[in-house]
C-alpha cells in the first residue's frame, strides 16, 4: 500500500520553520519527499520514519550553520 506524502507546500513551510531559506523551500521539499520515499524502500522503513530522520538531519545542519555564522 502506497503511503500518501504530505502536500509539498506543507513540507516547504516546515522546512522554513527549521531554517531553510524560503526561496529554496519548495525545491528542497520536493527533493526531501523523493529521498524519503527512496530511503523508506531501501531501508525497509516507513515513509514517515524516513521523512522524520531526514528532517532531523536538516534541522541539525541548519542549526550548525547558524552557530558557525554568528
PDB file of N, CA and C in Angstrom:
ATOM      1  N   UNK A   1       0.838  -1.171   0.000  1.00  0.00           N
ATOM      2  CA  UNK A   1       0.000   0.000   0.000  1.00  0.00           C
ATOM      3  C   UNK A   1       0.890   1.243   0.000  1.00  0.00           C
ATOM      4  N   UNK A   2       0.668   2.150  -0.902  1.00  0.00           N
ATOM      5  CA  UNK A   2       1.471   3.371  -1.011  1.00  0.00           C
ATOM      6  C   UNK A   2       1.094   4.343   0.098  1.00  0.00           C
ATOM      7  N   UNK A   3       2.107   5.004   0.610  1.00  0.00           N
ATOM      8  CA  UNK A   3       1.890   5.995   1.661  1.00  0.00           C
ATOM      9  C   UNK A   3       1.705   7.349   1.006  1.00  0.00           C
ATOM     10  N   UNK A   4       0.691   8.076   1.466  1.00  0.00           N
ATOM     11  CA  UNK A   4       0.442   9.401   0.912  1.00  0.00           C
ATOM     12  C   UNK A   4       1.396  10.400   1.545  1.00  0.00           C
ATOM     13  N   UNK A   5       2.069  11.155   0.707  1.00  0.00           N
ATOM     14  CA  UNK A   5       3.006  12.176   1.156  1.00  0.00           C
ATOM     15  C   UNK A   5       2.229  13.402   1.615  1.00  0.00           C
ATOM     16  N   UNK A   6       2.823  14.178   2.538  1.00  0.00           N
ATOM     17  CA  UNK A   6       2.175  15.440   2.885  1.00  0.00           C
ATOM     18  C   UNK A   6       2.251  16.370   1.686  1.00  0.00           C
ATOM     19  N   UNK A   7       1.309  17.312   1.581  1.00  0.00           N
ATOM     20  CA  UNK A   7       1.410  18.273   0.473  1.00  0.00           C
ATOM     21  C   UNK A   7       2.769  18.979   0.524  1.00  0.00           C
ATOM     22  N   UNK A   8       3.358  19.180  -0.656  1.00  0.00           N
ATOM     23  CA  UNK A   8       4.696  19.774  -0.706  1.00  0.00           C
ATOM     24  C   UNK A   8       4.730  21.176  -0.114  1.00  0.00           C
ATOM     25  N   UNK A   9       3.615  21.921  -0.199  1.00  0.00           N
ATOM     26  CA  UNK A   9       3.622  23.255   0.397  1.00  0.00           C
ATOM     27  C   UNK A   9       3.713  23.178   1.915  1.00  0.00           C
ATOM     28  N   UNK A  10       3.098  22.170   2.510  1.00  0.00           N
ATOM     29  CA  UNK A  10       3.214  21.988   3.965  1.00  0.00           C
ATOM     30  C   UNK A  10       4.638  21.592   4.342  1.00  0.00           C
ATOM     31  N   UNK A  11       5.230  20.741   3.560  1.00  0.00           N
ATOM     32  CA  UNK A  11       6.602  20.323   3.808  1.00  0.00           C
ATOM     33  C   UNK A  11       7.548  21.511   3.650  1.00  0.00           C
ATOM     34  N   UNK A  12       7.302  22.343   2.639  1.00  0.00           N
ATOM     35  CA  UNK A  12       8.121  23.540   2.435  1.00  0.00           C
ATOM     36  C   UNK A  12       8.006  24.485   3.625  1.00  0.00           C
ATOM     37  N   UNK A  13       6.804  24.644   4.163  1.00  0.00           N
ATOM     38  CA  UNK A  13       6.607  25.503   5.335  1.00  0.00           C
ATOM     39  C   UNK A  13       7.358  24.953   6.544  1.00  0.00           C
ATOM     40  N   UNK A  14       7.343  23.645   6.695  1.00  0.00           N
ATOM     41  CA  UNK A  14       8.078  23.018   7.803  1.00  0.00           C
ATOM     42  C   UNK A  14       9.578  23.250   7.647  1.00  0.00           C
ATOM     43  N   UNK A  15      10.066  23.169   6.428  1.00  0.00           N
ATOM     44  CA  UNK A  15      11.488  23.402   6.182  1.00  0.00           C
ATOM     45  C   UNK A  15      11.877  24.834   6.533  1.00  0.00           C
ATOM     46  N   UNK A  16      11.051  25.794   6.168  1.00  0.00           N
ATOM     47  CA  UNK A  16      11.324  27.196   6.511  1.00  0.00           C
ATOM     48  C   UNK A  16      11.363  27.360   8.027  1.00  0.00           C
ATOM     49  N   UNK A  17      10.440  26.713   8.728  1.00  0.00           N
ATOM     50  CA  UNK A  17      10.411  26.792  10.194  1.00  0.00           C
ATOM     51  C   UNK A  17      11.681  26.207  10.805  1.00  0.00           C
ATOM     52  N   UNK A  18      12.312  25.259  10.112  1.00  0.00           N
ATOM     53  CA  UNK A  18      13.537  24.642  10.606  1.00  0.00           C
ATOM     54  C   UNK A  18      14.798  25.417  10.219  1.00  0.00           C
ATOM     55  N   UNK A  19      14.630  26.430   9.345  1.00  0.00           N
ATOM     56  CA  UNK A  19      15.779  27.234   8.979  1.00  0.00           C
ATOM     57  C   UNK A  19      16.118  27.270   7.505  1.00  0.00           C
ATOM     58  N   UNK A  20      15.342  26.602   6.688  1.00  0.00           N
ATOM     59  CA  UNK A  20      15.589  26.600   5.248  1.00  0.00           C
ATOM     60  C   UNK A  20      15.278  27.974   4.666  1.00  0.00           C
ATOM     61  N   UNK A  21      16.114  28.466   3.766  1.00  0.00           N
ATOM     62  CA  UNK A  21      15.783  29.722   3.088  1.00  0.00           C
ATOM     63  C   UNK A  21      14.457  29.573   2.336  1.00  0.00           C
ATOM     64  N   UNK A  22      13.559  30.523   2.507  1.00  0.00           N
ATOM     65  CA  UNK A  22      12.215  30.438   1.915  1.00  0.00           C
ATOM     66  C   UNK A  22      12.258  30.260   0.402  1.00  0.00           C
ATOM     67  N   UNK A  23      13.206  30.911  -0.250  1.00  0.00           N
ATOM     68  CA  UNK A  23      13.268  30.833  -1.714  1.00  0.00           C
ATOM     69  C   UNK A  23      13.688  29.451  -2.212  1.00  0.00           C
ATOM     70  N   UNK A  24      14.245  28.633  -1.350  1.00  0.00           N
ATOM     71  CA  UNK A  24      14.661  27.284  -1.750  1.00  0.00           C
ATOM     72  C   UNK A  24      13.741  26.197  -1.197  1.00  0.00           C
ATOM     73  N   UNK A  25      12.755  26.584  -0.389  1.00  0.00           N
ATOM     74  CA  UNK A  25      11.962  25.597   0.341  1.00  0.00           C
ATOM     75  C   UNK A  25      11.133  24.683  -0.560  1.00  0.00           C
ATOM     76  N   UNK A  26      10.546  25.204  -1.629  1.00  0.00           N
ATOM     77  CA  UNK A  26       9.714  24.357  -2.495  1.00  0.00           C
ATOM     78  C   UNK A  26      10.555  23.292  -3.194  1.00  0.00           C
ATOM     79  N   UNK A  27      11.705  23.694  -3.709  1.00  0.00           N
ATOM     80  CA  UNK A  27      12.602  22.740  -4.383  1.00  0.00           C
ATOM     81  C   UNK A  27      13.120  21.709  -3.382  1.00  0.00           C
ATOM     82  N   UNK A  28      13.500  22.165  -2.208  1.00  0.00           N
ATOM     83  CA  UNK A  28      14.018  21.240  -1.202  1.00  0.00           C
ATOM     84  C   UNK A  28      12.929  20.295  -0.701  1.00  0.00           C
ATOM     85  N   UNK A  29      11.705  20.778  -0.606  1.00  0.00           N
ATOM     86  CA  UNK A  29      10.595  19.920  -0.180  1.00  0.00           C
ATOM     87  C   UNK A  29      10.389  18.780  -1.173  1.00  0.00           C
ATOM     88  N   UNK A  30      10.444  19.094  -2.450  1.00  0.00           N
ATOM     89  CA  UNK A  30      10.277  18.053  -3.476  1.00  0.00           C
ATOM     90  C   UNK A  30      11.403  17.030  -3.400  1.00  0.00           C
ATOM     91  N   UNK A  31      12.631  17.511  -3.220  1.00  0.00           N
ATOM     92  CA  UNK A  31      13.776  16.601  -3.111  1.00  0.00           C
ATOM     93  C   UNK A  31      13.678  15.745  -1.852  1.00  0.00           C
ATOM     94  N   UNK A  32      13.257  16.357  -0.753  1.00  0.00           N
ATOM     95  CA  UNK A  32      13.134  15.645   0.516  1.00  0.00           C
ATOM     96  C   UNK A  32      12.069  14.557   0.430  1.00  0.00           C
ATOM     97  N   UNK A  33      10.942  14.883  -0.192  1.00  0.00           N
ATOM     98  CA  UNK A  33       9.868  13.910  -0.367  1.00  0.00           C
ATOM     99  C   UNK A  33      10.366  12.713  -1.183  1.00  0.00           C
ATOM    100  N   UNK A  34      11.047  13.001  -2.277  1.00  0.00           N
ATOM    101  CA  UNK A  34      11.572  11.938  -3.138  1.00  0.00           C
ATOM    102  C   UNK A  34      12.567  11.068  -2.371  1.00  0.00           C
ATOM    103  N   UNK A  35      13.477  11.696  -1.643  1.00  0.00           N
ATOM    104  CA  UNK A  35      14.503  10.943  -0.907  1.00  0.00           C
ATOM    105  C   UNK A  35      13.884  10.129   0.226  1.00  0.00           C
ATOM    106  N   UNK A  36      12.858  10.665   0.876  1.00  0.00           N
ATOM    107  CA  UNK A  36      12.204   9.911   1.952  1.00  0.00           C
ATOM    108  C   UNK A  36      11.565   8.639   1.404  1.00  0.00           C
ATOM    109  N   UNK A  37      10.957   8.729   0.227  1.00  0.00           N
ATOM    110  CA  UNK A  37      10.387   7.521  -0.394  1.00  0.00           C
ATOM    111  C   UNK A  37      11.494   6.527  -0.742  1.00  0.00           C
ATOM    112  N   UNK A  38      12.615   7.024  -1.282  1.00  0.00           N
ATOM    113  CA  UNK A  38      13.736   6.146  -1.623  1.00  0.00           C
ATOM    114  C   UNK A  38      14.294   5.472  -0.374  1.00  0.00           C
ATOM    115  N   UNK A  39      14.510   6.257   0.667  1.00  0.00           N
ATOM    116  CA  UNK A  39      15.079   5.735   1.910  1.00  0.00           C
ATOM    117  C   UNK A  39      14.157   4.701   2.541  1.00  0.00           C
ATOM    118  N   UNK A  40      12.872   4.974   2.509  1.00  0.00           N
ATOM    119  CA  UNK A  40      11.906   4.015   3.053  1.00  0.00           C
ATOM    120  C   UNK A  40      11.996   2.680   2.321  1.00  0.00           C
ATOM    121  N   UNK A  41      12.100   2.733   1.015  1.00  0.00           N
ATOM    122  CA  UNK A  41      12.187   1.500   0.221  1.00  0.00           C
ATOM    123  C   UNK A  41      13.510   0.779   0.452  1.00  0.00           C
ATOM    124  N   UNK A  42      14.611   1.545   0.507  1.00  0.00           N
ATOM    125  CA  UNK A  42      15.943   0.944   0.671  1.00  0.00           C
ATOM    126  C   UNK A  42      16.138   0.314   2.041  1.00  0.00           C
ATOM    127  N   UNK A  43      15.643   0.977   3.072  1.00  0.00           N
ATOM    128  CA  UNK A  43      15.921   0.538   4.444  1.00  0.00           C
ATOM    129  C   UNK A  43      14.765  -0.203   5.099  1.00  0.00           C
ATOM    130  N   UNK A  44      13.664  -0.356   4.384  1.00  0.00           N
ATOM    131  CA  UNK A  44      12.518  -1.048   4.962  1.00  0.00           C
ATOM    132  C   UNK A  44      11.852  -0.254   6.076  1.00  0.00           C
ATOM    133  N   UNK A  45      11.965   1.058   6.008  1.00  0.00           N
ATOM    134  CA  UNK A  45      11.334   1.940   6.997  1.00  0.00           C
ATOM    135  C   UNK A  45       9.986   2.413   6.452  1.00  0.00           C
ATOM    136  N   UNK A  46       9.220   3.032   7.328  1.00  0.00           N
ATOM    137  CA  UNK A  46       8.025   3.698   6.837  1.00  0.00           C
ATOM    138  C   UNK A  46       8.448   5.030   6.233  1.00  0.00           C
ATOM    139  N   UNK A  47       7.610   5.557   5.365  1.00  0.00           N
ATOM    140  CA  UNK A  47       7.872   6.879   4.783  1.00  0.00           C
ATOM    141  C   UNK A  47       7.982   7.919   5.894  1.00  0.00           C
ATOM    142  N   UNK A  48       7.082   7.841   6.861  1.00  0.00           N
ATOM    143  CA  UNK A  48       7.066   8.815   7.953  1.00  0.00           C
ATOM    144  C   UNK A  48       8.370   8.786   8.748  1.00  0.00           C
ATOM    145  N   UNK A  49       8.888   7.594   9.029  1.00  0.00           N
ATOM    146  CA  UNK A  49      10.142   7.474   9.771  1.00  0.00           C
ATOM    147  C   UNK A  49      11.307   8.025   8.948  1.00  0.00           C
ATOM    148  N   UNK A  50      11.318   7.729   7.666  1.00  0.00           N
ATOM    149  CA  UNK A  50      12.383   8.232   6.803  1.00  0.00           C
ATOM    150  C   UNK A  50      12.328   9.753   6.708  1.00  0.00           C
ATOM    151  N   UNK A  51      11.139  10.304   6.570  1.00  0.00           N
ATOM    152  CA  UNK A  51      10.980  11.751   6.490  1.00  0.00           C
ATOM    153  C   UNK A  51      11.403  12.412   7.797  1.00  0.00           C
ATOM    154  N   UNK A  52      11.010  11.844   8.917  1.00  0.00           N
ATOM    155  CA  UNK A  52      11.403  12.397  10.215  1.00  0.00           C
ATOM    156  C   UNK A  52      12.916  12.376  10.376  1.00  0.00           C
ATOM    157  N   UNK A  53      13.549  11.303   9.955  1.00  0.00           N
ATOM    158  CA  UNK A  53      15.007  11.193  10.025  1.00  0.00           C
ATOM    159  C   UNK A  53      15.668  12.285   9.189  1.00  0.00           C
ATOM    160  N   UNK A  54      15.209  12.450   7.964  1.00  0.00           N
ATOM    161  CA  UNK A  54      15.798  13.450   7.075  1.00  0.00           C
ATOM    162  C   UNK A  54      15.561  14.870   7.587  1.00  0.00           C
ATOM    163  N   UNK A  55      14.369  15.131   8.104  1.00  0.00           N
ATOM    164  CA  UNK A  55      14.087  16.459   8.676  1.00  0.00           C
ATOM    165  C   UNK A  55      14.995  16.735   9.869  1.00  0.00           C
ATOM    166  N   UNK A  56      15.242  15.726  10.679  1.00  0.00           N
ATOM    167  CA  UNK A  56      16.147  15.891  11.818  1.00  0.00           C
ATOM    168  C   UNK A  56      17.564  16.227  11.379  1.00  0.00           C
ATOM    169  N   UNK A  57      18.026  15.558  10.333  1.00  0.00           N
ATOM    170  CA  UNK A  57      19.360  15.852   9.807  1.00  0.00           C
ATOM    171  C   UNK A  57      19.436  17.272   9.259  1.00  0.00           C
ATOM    172  N   UNK A  58      18.395  17.687   8.576  1.00  0.00           N
ATOM    173  CA  UNK A  58      18.381  19.040   8.017  1.00  0.00           C
ATOM    174  C   UNK A  58      18.348  20.081   9.129  1.00  0.00           C
ATOM    175  N   UNK A  59      17.552  19.843  10.153  1.00  0.00           N
ATOM    176  CA  UNK A  59      17.478  20.772  11.291  1.00  0.00           C
ATOM    177  C   UNK A  59      18.848  20.908  11.946  1.00  0.00           C
ATOM    178  N   UNK A  60      19.537  19.800  12.145  1.00  0.00           N
ATOM    179  CA  UNK A  60      20.872  19.837  12.755  1.00  0.00           C
ATOM    180  C   UNK A  60      21.844  20.616  11.878  1.00  0.00           C
ATOM    181  N   UNK A  61      21.761  20.408  10.571  1.00  0.00           N
ATOM    182  CA  UNK A  61      22.653  21.104   9.655  1.00  0.00           C
ATOM    183  C   UNK A  61      22.437  22.606   9.667  1.00  0.00           C
ATOM    184  N   UNK A  62      21.182  23.031   9.662  1.00  0.00           N
ATOM    185  CA  UNK A  62      20.905  24.468   9.678  1.00  0.00           C
ATOM    186  C   UNK A  62      21.278  25.077  11.023  1.00  0.00           C
ATOM    187  N   UNK A  63      21.091  24.348  12.111  1.00  0.00           N
ATOM    188  CA  UNK A  63      21.460  24.859  13.433  1.00  0.00           C
ATOM    189  C   UNK A  63      22.976  25.036  13.503  1.00  0.00           C
ATOM    190  N   UNK A  64      23.718  24.073  12.982  1.00  0.00           N
ATOM    191  CA  UNK A  64      25.184  24.160  12.989  1.00  0.00           C
ATOM    192  C   UNK A  64      25.652  25.310  12.109  1.00  0.00           C
ATOM    193  N   UNK A  65      24.982  25.504  10.987  1.00  0.00           N
ATOM    194  CA  UNK A  65      25.345  26.588  10.071  1.00  0.00           C
ATOM    195  C   UNK A  65      25.101  27.939  10.738  1.00  0.00           C
ATOM    196  N   UNK A  66      24.001  28.076  11.469  1.00  0.00           N
ATOM    197  CA  UNK A  66      23.709  29.325  12.164  1.00  0.00           C
ATOM    198  C   UNK A  66      24.732  29.596  13.266  1.00  0.00           C
ATOM    199  N   UNK A  67      25.129  28.552  13.979  1.00  0.00           N
ATOM    200  CA  UNK A  67      26.135  28.726  15.045  1.00  0.00           C
ATOM    201  C   UNK A  67      27.459  29.161  14.450  1.00  0.00           C
ATOM    202  N   UNK A  68      27.798  28.623  13.289  1.00  0.00           N
ATOM    203  CA  UNK A  68      29.056  28.978  12.640  1.00  0.00           C
ATOM    204  C   UNK A  68      29.042  30.373  12.064  1.00  0.00           C
ATOM    205  N   UNK A  69      27.863  30.882  11.703  1.00  0.00           N
ATOM    206  CA  UNK A  69      27.757  32.205  11.093  1.00  0.00           C
ATOM    207  C   UNK A  69      27.761  33.307  12.134  1.00  0.00           C
ATOM    208  N   UNK A  70      27.468  32.986  13.391  1.00  0.00           N
ATOM    209  CA  UNK A  70      27.403  34.051  14.397  1.00  0.00           C
ATOM    210  C   UNK A  70      28.748  34.420  14.950  1.00  0.00           C
TER     211      UNK A  70
END
